[in-house]
C-alpha atoms as a PDB file:
ATOM      1  CA  MET A   1     147.307  45.230  98.565  1.00  0.00           C
ATOM      2  CA  ASN A   2     148.064  48.831  97.893  1.00  0.00           C
ATOM      3  CA  GLY A   3     150.988  50.838  99.240  1.00  0.00           C
ATOM      4  CA  GLN A   4     149.208  51.618 102.559  1.00  0.00           C
ATOM      5  CA  GLY A   5     148.647  47.977 103.502  1.00  0.00           C
ATOM      6  CA  CYS A   6     144.932  48.046 102.598  1.00  0.00           C
ATOM      7  CA  GLU A   7     143.254  45.665 100.266  1.00  0.00           C
ATOM      8  CA  SER A   8     141.318  47.069  97.397  1.00  0.00           C
ATOM      9  CA  PRO A   9     137.611  46.268  97.695  1.00  0.00           C
ATOM     10  CA  PHE A  10     137.635  45.024  94.096  1.00  0.00           C
ATOM     11  CA  THR A  11     140.518  42.591  94.763  1.00  0.00           C
ATOM     12  CA  THR A  12     138.818  41.220  97.856  1.00  0.00           C
ATOM     13  CA  PHE A  13     135.591  40.680  95.968  1.00  0.00           C
ATOM     14  CA  ALA A  14     137.335  39.064  92.963  1.00  0.00           C
ATOM     15  CA  ARG A  15     139.131  36.495  95.133  1.00  0.00           C
ATOM     16  CA  HIS A  16     135.919  35.362  96.761  1.00  0.00           C
ATOM     17  CA  VAL A  17     133.554  35.274  93.797  1.00  0.00           C
ATOM     18  CA  TRP A  18     132.963  31.554  94.218  1.00  0.00           C
ATOM     19  CA  ARG A  19     131.937  32.183  97.877  1.00  0.00           C
ATOM     20  CA  PRO A  20     129.716  35.286  97.926  1.00  0.00           C
ATOM     21  CA  GLU A  21     128.872  34.849 101.629  1.00  0.00           C
ATOM     22  CA  SER A  22     132.478  35.297 102.610  1.00  0.00           C
ATOM     23  CA  ALA A  23     133.169  38.263 100.340  1.00  0.00           C
ATOM     24  CA  ASN A  24     133.921  40.895 102.959  1.00  0.00           C
ATOM     25  CA  ILE A  25     134.972  44.226 101.629  1.00  0.00           C
ATOM     26  CA  SER A  26     137.634  45.492 103.943  1.00  0.00           C
ATOM     27  CA  LEU A  27     138.673  49.097 104.037  1.00  0.00           C
ATOM     28  CA  CYS A  28     141.561  50.791 105.712  1.00  0.00           C
ATOM     29  CA  SER A  29     140.923  51.777 109.296  1.00  0.00           C
ATOM     30  CA  SER A  30     141.438  55.442 108.363  1.00  0.00           C
ATOM     31  CA  GLU A  31     138.588  55.259 105.838  1.00  0.00           C
ATOM     32  CA  GLN A  32     135.964  53.652 108.087  1.00  0.00           C
ATOM     33  CA  GLY A  33     133.085  56.005 108.903  1.00  0.00           C
ATOM     34  CA  THR A  34     134.277  58.736 106.569  1.00  0.00           C
ATOM     35  CA  THR A  35     131.193  58.510 104.387  1.00  0.00           C
ATOM     36  CA  LEU A  36     128.868  58.895 107.382  1.00  0.00           C
ATOM     37  CA  ILE A  37     130.679  62.053 108.503  1.00  0.00           C
ATOM     38  CA  GLU A  38     130.607  63.408 104.945  1.00  0.00           C
ATOM     39  CA  VAL A  39     126.851  62.788 104.735  1.00  0.00           C
ATOM     40  CA  LEU A  40     126.244  64.520 108.075  1.00  0.00           C
ATOM     41  CA  VAL A  41     128.336  67.550 107.074  1.00  0.00           C
ATOM     42  CA  THR A  42     126.517  67.749 103.754  1.00  0.00           C
ATOM     43  CA  LEU A  43     123.160  67.498 105.522  1.00  0.00           C
ATOM     44  CA  VAL A  44     124.089  70.365 107.854  1.00  0.00           C
ATOM     45  CA  LEU A  45     125.224  72.541 104.931  1.00  0.00           C
ATOM     46  CA  VAL A  46     122.047  71.824 102.948  1.00  0.00           C
ATOM     47  CA  THR A  47     119.928  72.631 106.013  1.00  0.00           C
ATOM     48  CA  ILE A  48     121.691  75.971 106.493  1.00  0.00           C
ATOM     49  CA  GLY A  49     121.213  76.779 102.806  1.00  0.00           C
ATOM     50  CA  LEU A  50     117.513  75.932 102.886  1.00  0.00           C
ATOM     51  CA  ALA A  51     116.987  77.996 106.030  1.00  0.00           C
ATOM     52  CA  GLY A  52     118.612  80.964 104.300  1.00  0.00           C
ATOM     53  CA  MET A  53     116.415  80.514 101.241  1.00  0.00           C
ATOM     54  CA  MET A  54     113.270  80.357 103.390  1.00  0.00           C
ATOM     55  CA  THR A  55     114.299  83.566 105.160  1.00  0.00           C
ATOM     56  CA  MET A  56     114.850  85.321 101.836  1.00  0.00           C
ATOM     57  CA  GLN A  57     111.464  84.102 100.571  1.00  0.00           C
ATOM     58  CA  ALA A  58     109.673  85.397 103.673  1.00  0.00           C
ATOM     59  CA  ARG A  59     111.454  88.762 103.388  1.00  0.00           C
ATOM     60  CA  GLY A  60     110.481  88.973  99.719  1.00  0.00           C
ATOM     61  CA  ILE A  61     106.827  88.352 100.540  1.00  0.00           C
ATOM     62  CA  GLN A  62     106.902  91.098 103.205  1.00  0.00           C
ATOM     63  CA  GLN A  63     108.499  93.569 100.805  1.00  0.00           C
ATOM     64  CA  ASN A  64     105.956  92.688  98.120  1.00  0.00           C
ATOM     65  CA  GLN A  65     103.059  93.315 100.520  1.00  0.00           C
ATOM     66  CA  SER A  66     104.595  96.625 101.615  1.00  0.00           C
ATOM     67  CA  ALA A  67     104.977  97.754  97.989  1.00  0.00           C
ATOM     68  CA  TYR A  68     101.394  96.728  97.235  1.00  0.00           C
ATOM     69  CA  LEU A  69     100.017  98.768 100.159  1.00  0.00           C
ATOM     70  CA  ARG A  70     102.110 101.813  99.195  1.00  0.00           C
ATOM     71  CA  THR A  71     100.819 101.562  95.615  1.00  0.00           C
ATOM     72  CA  GLN A  72      97.259 101.466  96.929  1.00  0.00           C
ATOM     73  CA  ALA A  73      97.925 104.565  99.056  1.00  0.00           C
ATOM     74  CA  ILE A  74      99.334 106.413  96.038  1.00  0.00           C
ATOM     75  CA  THR A  75      96.284 105.429  93.984  1.00  0.00           C
ATOM     76  CA  LEU A  76      93.942 106.658  96.717  1.00  0.00           C
ATOM     77  CA  ALA A  77      95.798 109.979  97.050  1.00  0.00           C
ATOM     78  CA  ASN A  78      95.774 110.550  93.290  1.00  0.00           C
ATOM     79  CA  ASP A  79      92.068 109.746  93.162  1.00  0.00           C
ATOM     80  CA  MET A  80      91.237 112.300  95.857  1.00  0.00           C
ATOM     81  CA  ALA A  81      93.520 114.880  94.217  1.00  0.00           C
ATOM     82  CA  ASP A  82      91.585 114.447  90.955  1.00  0.00           C
ATOM     83  CA  ARG A  83      88.265 114.802  92.788  1.00  0.00           C
ATOM     84  CA  ILE A  84      89.439 118.023  94.446  1.00  0.00           C
ATOM     85  CA  ARG A  85      90.738 119.406  91.137  1.00  0.00           C
ATOM     86  CA  LEU A  86      87.350 118.717  89.535  1.00  0.00           C
ATOM     87  CA  ASN A  87      85.534 120.500  92.398  1.00  0.00           C
ATOM     88  CA  ARG A  88      88.086 123.310  92.742  1.00  0.00           C
ATOM     89  CA  GLN A  89      85.828 125.851  94.452  1.00  0.00           C
ATOM     90  CA  ALA A  90      84.916 123.376  97.215  1.00  0.00           C
ATOM     91  CA  GLY A  91      88.636 122.620  97.620  1.00  0.00           C
ATOM     92  CA  LEU A  92      89.432 126.292  98.086  1.00  0.00           C
ATOM     93  CA  THR A  93      86.669 126.716 100.699  1.00  0.00           C
ATOM     94  CA  ASP A  94      87.939 123.760 102.770  1.00  0.00           C
ATOM     95  CA  ASP A  95      84.921 121.537 102.047  1.00  0.00           C
ATOM     96  CA  TYR A  96      87.397 118.682 101.538  1.00  0.00           C
ATOM     97  CA  ALA A  97      89.102 119.306 104.894  1.00  0.00           C
ATOM     98  CA  LEU A  98      89.590 116.032 106.740  1.00  0.00           C
ATOM     99  CA  THR A  99      91.281 115.278 110.043  1.00  0.00           C
ATOM    100  CA  LEU A 100      92.681 111.978 111.212  1.00  0.00           C
ATOM    101  CA  SER A 101      90.174 109.524 112.680  1.00  0.00           C
ATOM    102  CA  GLN A 102      87.138 111.003 110.913  1.00  0.00           C
ATOM    103  CA  GLU A 103      84.753 108.344 109.623  1.00  0.00           C
ATOM    104  CA  ALA A 104      82.877 108.122 106.328  1.00  0.00           C
ATOM    105  CA  ALA A 105      79.588 108.553 108.233  1.00  0.00           C
ATOM    106  CA  ASP A 106      80.737 112.054 109.284  1.00  0.00           C
ATOM    107  CA  PHE A 107      80.264 113.162 105.675  1.00  0.00           C
ATOM    108  CA  SER A 108      76.594 112.544 105.017  1.00  0.00           C
ATOM    109  CA  ALA A 109      75.550 114.761 102.100  1.00  0.00           C
ATOM    110  CA  GLU A 110      71.778 114.339 102.487  1.00  0.00           C
ATOM    111  CA  ALA A 111      70.961 117.617 104.301  1.00  0.00           C
ATOM    112  CA  ILE A 112      73.423 119.805 102.378  1.00  0.00           C
ATOM    113  CA  ILE A 113      72.010 122.186  99.765  1.00  0.00           C
ATOM    114  CA  ASP A 114      75.214 123.675  98.302  1.00  0.00           C
ATOM    115  CA  SER A 115      76.084 121.508  95.275  1.00  0.00           C
ATOM    116  CA  GLY A 116      79.873 121.926  95.643  1.00  0.00           C
ATOM    117  CA  LYS A 117      79.848 120.990  99.314  1.00  0.00           C
ATOM    118  CA  LYS A 118      77.401 118.141  98.654  1.00  0.00           C
ATOM    119  CA  LEU A 119      79.742 116.722  95.993  1.00  0.00           C
ATOM    120  CA  ALA A 120      82.734 117.167  98.329  1.00  0.00           C
ATOM    121  CA  TYR A 121      80.973 115.271 101.120  1.00  0.00           C
ATOM    122  CA  ALA A 122      79.870 112.505  98.744  1.00  0.00           C
ATOM    123  CA  ASP A 123      83.471 112.251  97.502  1.00  0.00           C
ATOM    124  CA  LEU A 124      84.846 112.069 101.059  1.00  0.00           C
ATOM    125  CA  ASN A 125      82.236 109.498 102.121  1.00  0.00           C
ATOM    126  CA  GLY A 126      83.007 107.131  99.242  1.00  0.00           C
ATOM    127  CA  TRP A 127      86.732 107.730  99.417  1.00  0.00           C
ATOM    128  CA  LEU A 128      86.963 107.030 103.165  1.00  0.00           C
ATOM    129  CA  ASN A 129      84.989 103.802 102.684  1.00  0.00           C
ATOM    130  CA  TRP A 130      87.422 102.784  99.948  1.00  0.00           C
ATOM    131  CA  LEU A 131      90.419 103.743 102.121  1.00  0.00           C
ATOM    132  CA  SER A 132      89.232 101.690 105.094  1.00  0.00           C
ATOM    133  CA  THR A 133      88.582  98.709 102.825  1.00  0.00           C
ATOM    134  CA  ILE A 134      91.918  98.692 101.012  1.00  0.00           C
ATOM    135  CA  LEU A 135      94.478  99.731 103.640  1.00  0.00           C
ATOM    136  CA  PRO A 136      94.817  98.010 107.034  1.00  0.00           C
ATOM    137  CA  GLU A 137      93.920 100.565 109.699  1.00  0.00           C
ATOM    138  CA  GLY A 138      93.862 103.203 106.957  1.00  0.00           C
ATOM    139  CA  ASP A 139      93.408 106.828 107.956  1.00  0.00           C
ATOM    140  CA  ALA A 140      93.776 110.140 106.138  1.00  0.00           C
ATOM    141  CA  GLU A 141      94.131 113.848 106.573  1.00  0.00           C
ATOM    142  CA  ILE A 142      93.410 116.554 103.990  1.00  0.00           C
ATOM    143  CA  LYS A 143      94.355 120.154 104.621  1.00  0.00           C
ATOM    144  CA  ARG A 144      94.790 123.311 102.580  1.00  0.00           C
ATOM    145  CA  ALA A 145      97.683 125.750 102.677  1.00  0.00           C
ATOM    146  CA  GLY A 146      96.881 128.614 100.323  1.00  0.00           C
ATOM    147  CA  GLN A 147      96.417 127.173  96.831  1.00  0.00           C
ATOM    148  CA  ARG A 148      97.988 123.841  97.845  1.00  0.00           C
ATOM    149  CA  ILE A 149      96.072 120.784  99.066  1.00  0.00           C
ATOM    150  CA  ILE A 150      98.038 118.291 101.185  1.00  0.00           C
ATOM    151  CA  ILE A 151      96.734 114.727 101.371  1.00  0.00           C
ATOM    152  CA  VAL A 152      98.345 112.463 103.985  1.00  0.00           C
ATOM    153  CA  ILE A 153      97.428 108.779 104.122  1.00  0.00           C
ATOM    154  CA  ARG A 154      98.508 106.527 107.007  1.00  0.00           C
ATOM    155  CA  TRP A 155      98.170 102.771 107.384  1.00  0.00           C
ATOM    156  CA  ASN A 156      99.570  99.870 109.372  1.00  0.00           C
ATOM    157  CA  ALA A 157     102.177  98.241 107.139  1.00  0.00           C
ATOM    158  CA  ARG A 158     102.883  95.334 109.508  1.00  0.00           C
ATOM    159  CA  ARG A 159      99.808  94.098 111.254  1.00  0.00           C
ATOM    160  CA  ASP A 160     101.723  92.157 113.893  1.00  0.00           C
ATOM    161  CA  SER A 161     104.313  94.721 114.976  1.00  0.00           C
ATOM    162  CA  GLY A 162     102.470  98.002 114.475  1.00  0.00           C
ATOM    163  CA  GLY A 163     104.744  99.477 111.782  1.00  0.00           C
ATOM    164  CA  LEU A 164     102.900 102.602 110.644  1.00  0.00           C
ATOM    165  CA  SER A 165     103.550 103.893 107.140  1.00  0.00           C
ATOM    166  CA  SER A 166     102.421 107.092 105.497  1.00  0.00           C
ATOM    167  CA  TYR A 167     102.290 108.777 102.124  1.00  0.00           C
ATOM    168  CA  GLN A 168     101.953 112.509 101.500  1.00  0.00           C
ATOM    169  CA  HIS A 169     100.645 113.948  98.235  1.00  0.00           C
ATOM    170  CA  GLU A 170     100.505 117.662  97.441  1.00  0.00           C
ATOM    171  CA  VAL A 171      98.308 119.253  94.787  1.00  0.00           C
ATOM    172  CA  ASP A 172      98.294 122.811  93.506  1.00  0.00           C
ATOM    173  CA  LEU A 173      94.831 124.131  92.668  1.00  0.00           C
END
């Protein structure tokens, strides 16, 4: 026996080696059930930790998707800015003017004779098709203020909660 009046499990087992069926390992009454409580507490702590890790993973995926969509918007804006710079005269005569909610079909270049305007409409038609394909609920606006072209792209960053995002790009002609 130890100082607390409890028998050591090893001593109990050693005395009853010749009778294995009667080898009861007795513990102090203060130690009974302690391991079950420890396991339950550990299980709760591990569950809380895993829930926190899952939340961080989900947040990381959302942030990654948001960054991807913003990168696509920047790429689209830079592409249109390059197209306008290449067709500068059409940019200065507002052939690239675009308002929100205009569709690619609004820019059919078939009946247009002016080569600059025809190129501008072909650029807008292809670009709006690309925009609607890449960005969820993508929309754009292009306007001119003097020698400056302002390209604004809007899209729905969170499809479930309607979080609209936008990117504005300005180009000097």
